[in-house]
Amino acid sequence: MAALAEGEMVACQVDGVDVLICQVRGSYYAVSNRCSHAGQTLSGGKLNDWAISCPLHGAQFDVRTGKCLAAPATQPIKSFPVTLQGGKVFVAIGDEY
């Protein structure tokens, strides 16, 4: 995929996995596009610095690590390694998927 502007995010499928890619302060991050609380897609939520908010109940997650930052979610979401090559963003899903 092509590069994102500051504060932008885009949902996509990578190797069959729903992923949300975010650009914050010049760095790219990729996390699962599903809230660990109710399974809602996070791409409809708001990105505020490194915190993505779920549009359904307001749970928040850190896009750098997937760590849960605010209830009602209590479990983290998966984060994925990101690399940039030739102006394109690549996400490594890993073997567990």
N, C-alpha and C. Protein backbone atom coordinates (compact mmCIF):
# COMPACT_ATOMS: atom_id res chain seq x y z
N MET A 1 0.83 -1.19 0.00
CA MET A 1 0.00 0.00 0.00
C MET A 1 0.87 1.24 0.00
N ALA A 2 0.33 2.33 -0.45
CA ALA A 2 1.06 3.60 -0.50
C ALA A 2 1.13 4.23 0.89
N ALA A 3 2.02 5.19 1.05
CA ALA A 3 2.23 5.86 2.33
C ALA A 3 0.99 6.63 2.77
N LEU A 4 0.84 6.78 4.09
CA LEU A 4 -0.26 7.53 4.69
C LEU A 4 0.24 8.88 5.20
N ALA A 5 -0.67 9.84 5.30
CA ALA A 5 -0.34 11.13 5.89
C ALA A 5 -0.42 11.02 7.42
N GLU A 6 0.15 11.98 8.10
CA GLU A 6 0.13 12.03 9.57
C GLU A 6 -1.30 11.91 10.10
N GLY A 7 -1.50 10.97 11.04
CA GLY A 7 -2.80 10.78 11.66
C GLY A 7 -3.79 9.98 10.85
N GLU A 8 -3.40 9.52 9.68
CA GLU A 8 -4.30 8.72 8.86
C GLU A 8 -4.22 7.25 9.24
N MET A 9 -5.29 6.54 8.92
CA MET A 9 -5.30 5.09 9.10
C MET A 9 -6.11 4.48 7.98
N VAL A 10 -5.79 3.22 7.69
CA VAL A 10 -6.50 2.51 6.62
C VAL A 10 -6.62 1.04 7.01
N ALA A 11 -7.79 0.50 6.76
CA ALA A 11 -8.03 -0.92 7.00
C ALA A 11 -7.72 -1.69 5.73
N CYS A 12 -7.14 -2.87 5.90
CA CYS A 12 -6.84 -3.71 4.74
C CYS A 12 -6.75 -5.16 5.19
N GLN A 13 -6.66 -6.04 4.22
CA GLN A 13 -6.45 -7.47 4.48
C GLN A 13 -5.00 -7.79 4.13
N VAL A 14 -4.31 -8.43 5.05
CA VAL A 14 -2.95 -8.88 4.80
C VAL A 14 -2.93 -10.37 5.09
N ASP A 15 -2.68 -11.14 4.07
CA ASP A 15 -2.69 -12.60 4.19
C ASP A 15 -3.96 -13.11 4.88
N GLY A 16 -5.11 -12.50 4.55
CA GLY A 16 -6.39 -12.92 5.09
C GLY A 16 -6.71 -12.40 6.48
N VAL A 17 -5.89 -11.53 7.03
CA VAL A 17 -6.09 -10.98 8.37
C VAL A 17 -6.53 -9.52 8.25
N ASP A 18 -7.60 -9.14 9.00
CA ASP A 18 -8.04 -7.74 9.03
C ASP A 18 -7.05 -6.91 9.82
N VAL A 19 -6.41 -5.94 9.15
CA VAL A 19 -5.36 -5.13 9.76
C VAL A 19 -5.71 -3.66 9.62
N LEU A 20 -5.35 -2.89 10.64
CA LEU A 20 -5.49 -1.44 10.61
C LEU A 20 -4.08 -0.85 10.65
N ILE A 21 -3.74 -0.09 9.60
CA ILE A 21 -2.42 0.54 9.52
C ILE A 21 -2.59 2.02 9.84
N CYS A 22 -1.75 2.52 10.73
CA CYS A 22 -1.83 3.91 11.19
C CYS A 22 -0.48 4.59 11.02
N GLN A 23 -0.51 5.90 10.76
CA GLN A 23 0.72 6.69 10.70
C GLN A 23 0.62 7.74 11.80
N VAL A 24 1.54 7.68 12.76
CA VAL A 24 1.56 8.60 13.88
C VAL A 24 2.97 9.13 14.07
N ARG A 25 3.10 10.44 14.05
CA ARG A 25 4.38 11.11 14.29
C ARG A 25 5.51 10.56 13.42
N GLY A 26 5.18 10.30 12.16
CA GLY A 26 6.19 9.88 11.20
C GLY A 26 6.49 8.39 11.18
N SER A 27 5.84 7.61 12.04
CA SER A 27 6.06 6.16 12.07
C SER A 27 4.77 5.43 11.74
N TYR A 28 4.93 4.21 11.22
CA TYR A 28 3.79 3.39 10.84
C TYR A 28 3.61 2.25 11.84
N TYR A 29 2.34 1.95 12.12
CA TYR A 29 1.99 0.89 13.06
C TYR A 29 0.85 0.08 12.45
N ALA A 30 0.81 -1.20 12.77
CA ALA A 30 -0.26 -2.08 12.30
C ALA A 30 -0.77 -2.91 13.46
N VAL A 31 -2.09 -2.94 13.59
CA VAL A 31 -2.76 -3.71 14.64
C VAL A 31 -3.95 -4.44 14.04
N SER A 32 -4.47 -5.38 14.79
CA SER A 32 -5.71 -6.03 14.39
C SER A 32 -6.79 -4.98 14.24
N ASN A 33 -7.64 -5.13 13.25
CA ASN A 33 -8.73 -4.17 13.04
C ASN A 33 -9.99 -4.58 13.79
N ARG A 34 -9.86 -5.39 14.80
CA ARG A 34 -11.00 -5.85 15.60
C ARG A 34 -10.77 -5.57 17.08
N CYS A 35 -11.75 -4.95 17.72
CA CYS A 35 -11.71 -4.70 19.15
C CYS A 35 -11.75 -6.03 19.90
N SER A 36 -10.95 -6.16 20.93
CA SER A 36 -10.93 -7.41 21.71
C SER A 36 -12.15 -7.54 22.61
N HIS A 37 -12.91 -6.49 22.77
CA HIS A 37 -14.09 -6.53 23.63
C HIS A 37 -15.31 -7.09 22.90
N ALA A 38 -15.67 -6.49 21.76
CA ALA A 38 -16.90 -6.90 21.08
C ALA A 38 -16.70 -7.24 19.61
N GLY A 39 -15.45 -7.26 19.15
CA GLY A 39 -15.18 -7.64 17.77
C GLY A 39 -15.49 -6.57 16.74
N GLN A 40 -15.82 -5.37 17.19
CA GLN A 40 -16.12 -4.25 16.28
C GLN A 40 -14.87 -3.85 15.51
N THR A 41 -15.04 -3.43 14.25
CA THR A 41 -13.89 -2.94 13.50
C THR A 41 -13.45 -1.60 14.07
N LEU A 42 -12.14 -1.46 14.23
CA LEU A 42 -11.58 -0.24 14.82
C LEU A 42 -11.40 0.87 13.78
N SER A 43 -11.45 0.53 12.50
CA SER A 43 -11.23 1.53 11.45
C SER A 43 -12.27 2.63 11.47
N GLY A 44 -13.42 2.41 12.07
CA GLY A 44 -14.45 3.45 12.19
C GLY A 44 -14.25 4.33 13.41
N GLY A 45 -13.23 4.03 14.20
CA GLY A 45 -12.96 4.79 15.42
C GLY A 45 -12.07 5.99 15.17
N LYS A 46 -11.65 6.61 16.24
CA LYS A 46 -10.80 7.80 16.15
C LYS A 46 -9.38 7.48 16.61
N LEU A 47 -8.42 8.04 15.88
CA LEU A 47 -7.02 7.89 16.21
C LEU A 47 -6.56 9.20 16.84
N ASN A 48 -6.08 9.14 18.08
CA ASN A 48 -5.59 10.31 18.79
C ASN A 48 -4.19 9.98 19.28
N ASP A 49 -3.18 10.53 18.61
CA ASP A 49 -1.80 10.12 18.83
C ASP A 49 -1.74 8.61 18.63
N TRP A 50 -1.25 7.89 19.64
CA TRP A 50 -1.08 6.44 19.48
C TRP A 50 -2.29 5.64 19.96
N ALA A 51 -3.38 6.31 20.35
CA ALA A 51 -4.56 5.61 20.87
C ALA A 51 -5.66 5.55 19.82
N ILE A 52 -6.10 4.33 19.52
CA ILE A 52 -7.25 4.14 18.64
C ILE A 52 -8.44 3.78 19.52
N SER A 53 -9.56 4.46 19.29
CA SER A 53 -10.78 4.22 20.07
C SER A 53 -11.77 3.40 19.27
N CYS A 54 -12.36 2.42 19.91
CA CYS A 54 -13.39 1.61 19.28
C CYS A 54 -14.67 2.45 19.13
N PRO A 55 -15.29 2.46 17.95
CA PRO A 55 -16.49 3.27 17.76
C PRO A 55 -17.73 2.72 18.47
N LEU A 56 -17.69 1.48 18.93
CA LEU A 56 -18.88 0.88 19.55
C LEU A 56 -19.01 1.24 21.02
N HIS A 57 -18.00 0.95 21.82
CA HIS A 57 -18.08 1.19 23.27
C HIS A 57 -16.98 2.09 23.81
N GLY A 58 -16.06 2.54 22.96
CA GLY A 58 -15.03 3.47 23.40
C GLY A 58 -13.77 2.86 23.97
N ALA A 59 -13.62 1.54 23.90
CA ALA A 59 -12.37 0.94 24.36
C ALA A 59 -11.21 1.55 23.57
N GLN A 60 -10.04 1.65 24.19
CA GLN A 60 -8.89 2.23 23.51
C GLN A 60 -7.70 1.28 23.56
N PHE A 61 -6.90 1.36 22.47
CA PHE A 61 -5.72 0.52 22.33
C PHE A 61 -4.55 1.35 21.82
N ASP A 62 -3.36 1.00 22.24
CA ASP A 62 -2.13 1.65 21.78
C ASP A 62 -1.72 0.99 20.47
N VAL A 63 -1.65 1.77 19.38
CA VAL A 63 -1.33 1.19 18.07
C VAL A 63 0.13 0.75 17.98
N ARG A 64 0.97 1.18 18.91
CA ARG A 64 2.37 0.74 18.90
C ARG A 64 2.51 -0.69 19.40
N THR A 65 1.68 -1.08 20.37
CA THR A 65 1.84 -2.37 21.03
C THR A 65 0.58 -3.24 21.04
N GLY A 66 -0.58 -2.63 20.81
CA GLY A 66 -1.84 -3.35 20.93
C GLY A 66 -2.39 -3.36 22.35
N LYS A 67 -1.65 -2.80 23.30
CA LYS A 67 -2.05 -2.78 24.71
C LYS A 67 -3.39 -2.09 24.88
N CYS A 68 -4.24 -2.67 25.74
CA CYS A 68 -5.53 -2.08 26.06
C CYS A 68 -5.29 -0.87 26.98
N LEU A 69 -5.86 0.28 26.62
CA LEU A 69 -5.68 1.51 27.39
C LEU A 69 -6.92 1.93 28.16
N ALA A 70 -8.10 1.48 27.72
CA ALA A 70 -9.34 1.91 28.37
C ALA A 70 -10.43 0.85 28.23
N ALA A 71 -11.23 0.71 29.27
CA ALA A 71 -12.36 -0.21 29.30
C ALA A 71 -13.42 0.25 28.30
N PRO A 72 -14.31 -0.63 27.89
CA PRO A 72 -14.62 -1.90 28.52
C PRO A 72 -13.71 -3.07 28.11
N ALA A 73 -12.84 -2.89 27.14
CA ALA A 73 -11.92 -3.97 26.78
C ALA A 73 -10.91 -4.19 27.91
N THR A 74 -10.50 -5.43 28.08
CA THR A 74 -9.48 -5.76 29.08
C THR A 74 -8.30 -6.49 28.45
N GLN A 75 -8.48 -6.98 27.24
CA GLN A 75 -7.44 -7.73 26.54
C GLN A 75 -6.81 -6.88 25.45
N PRO A 76 -5.52 -7.07 25.18
CA PRO A 76 -4.88 -6.33 24.09
C PRO A 76 -5.36 -6.83 22.73
N ILE A 77 -4.99 -6.11 21.70
CA ILE A 77 -5.18 -6.57 20.33
C ILE A 77 -3.79 -6.88 19.77
N LYS A 78 -3.75 -7.64 18.72
CA LYS A 78 -2.47 -8.04 18.11
C LYS A 78 -1.85 -6.86 17.39
N SER A 79 -0.54 -6.68 17.55
CA SER A 79 0.19 -5.70 16.76
C SER A 79 1.13 -6.46 15.83
N PHE A 80 1.47 -5.85 14.71
CA PHE A 80 2.27 -6.49 13.67
C PHE A 80 3.45 -5.61 13.29
N PRO A 81 4.60 -6.21 12.98
CA PRO A 81 5.76 -5.42 12.52
C PRO A 81 5.48 -4.76 11.16
N VAL A 82 5.97 -3.53 11.02
CA VAL A 82 5.80 -2.76 9.79
C VAL A 82 7.17 -2.35 9.27
N THR A 83 7.34 -2.44 7.95
CA THR A 83 8.55 -1.92 7.31
C THR A 83 8.15 -1.06 6.13
N LEU A 84 9.02 -0.12 5.79
CA LEU A 84 8.82 0.73 4.62
C LEU A 84 9.88 0.39 3.60
N GLN A 85 9.44 0.22 2.35
CA GLN A 85 10.37 -0.06 1.26
C GLN A 85 9.88 0.66 0.02
N GLY A 86 10.70 1.54 -0.51
CA GLY A 86 10.34 2.25 -1.73
C GLY A 86 9.06 3.04 -1.62
N GLY A 87 8.80 3.63 -0.44
CA GLY A 87 7.60 4.42 -0.25
C GLY A 87 6.34 3.61 -0.01
N LYS A 88 6.48 2.31 0.13
CA LYS A 88 5.34 1.43 0.40
C LYS A 88 5.45 0.83 1.79
N VAL A 89 4.29 0.54 2.38
CA VAL A 89 4.20 -0.01 3.72
C VAL A 89 3.96 -1.52 3.62
N PHE A 90 4.78 -2.28 4.34
CA PHE A 90 4.62 -3.74 4.38
C PHE A 90 4.39 -4.19 5.82
N VAL A 91 3.44 -5.11 5.98
CA VAL A 91 3.08 -5.64 7.30
C VAL A 91 3.38 -7.13 7.33
N ALA A 92 4.08 -7.57 8.37
CA ALA A 92 4.40 -8.99 8.56
C ALA A 92 3.40 -9.59 9.52
N ILE A 93 2.62 -10.55 9.04
CA ILE A 93 1.57 -11.14 9.86
C ILE A 93 2.13 -12.21 10.82
N GLY A 94 3.02 -13.03 10.37
CA GLY A 94 3.58 -14.07 11.23
C GLY A 94 2.91 -15.40 11.05
N ASP A 95 3.44 -16.40 11.72
CA ASP A 95 2.97 -17.77 11.55
C ASP A 95 1.74 -18.13 12.35
N GLU A 96 1.36 -17.34 13.36
CA GLU A 96 0.24 -17.75 14.20
C GLU A 96 -1.11 -17.53 13.52
N TYR A 97 -1.11 -16.93 12.33
CA TYR A 97 -2.38 -16.71 11.62
C TYR A 97 -2.51 -17.64 10.47
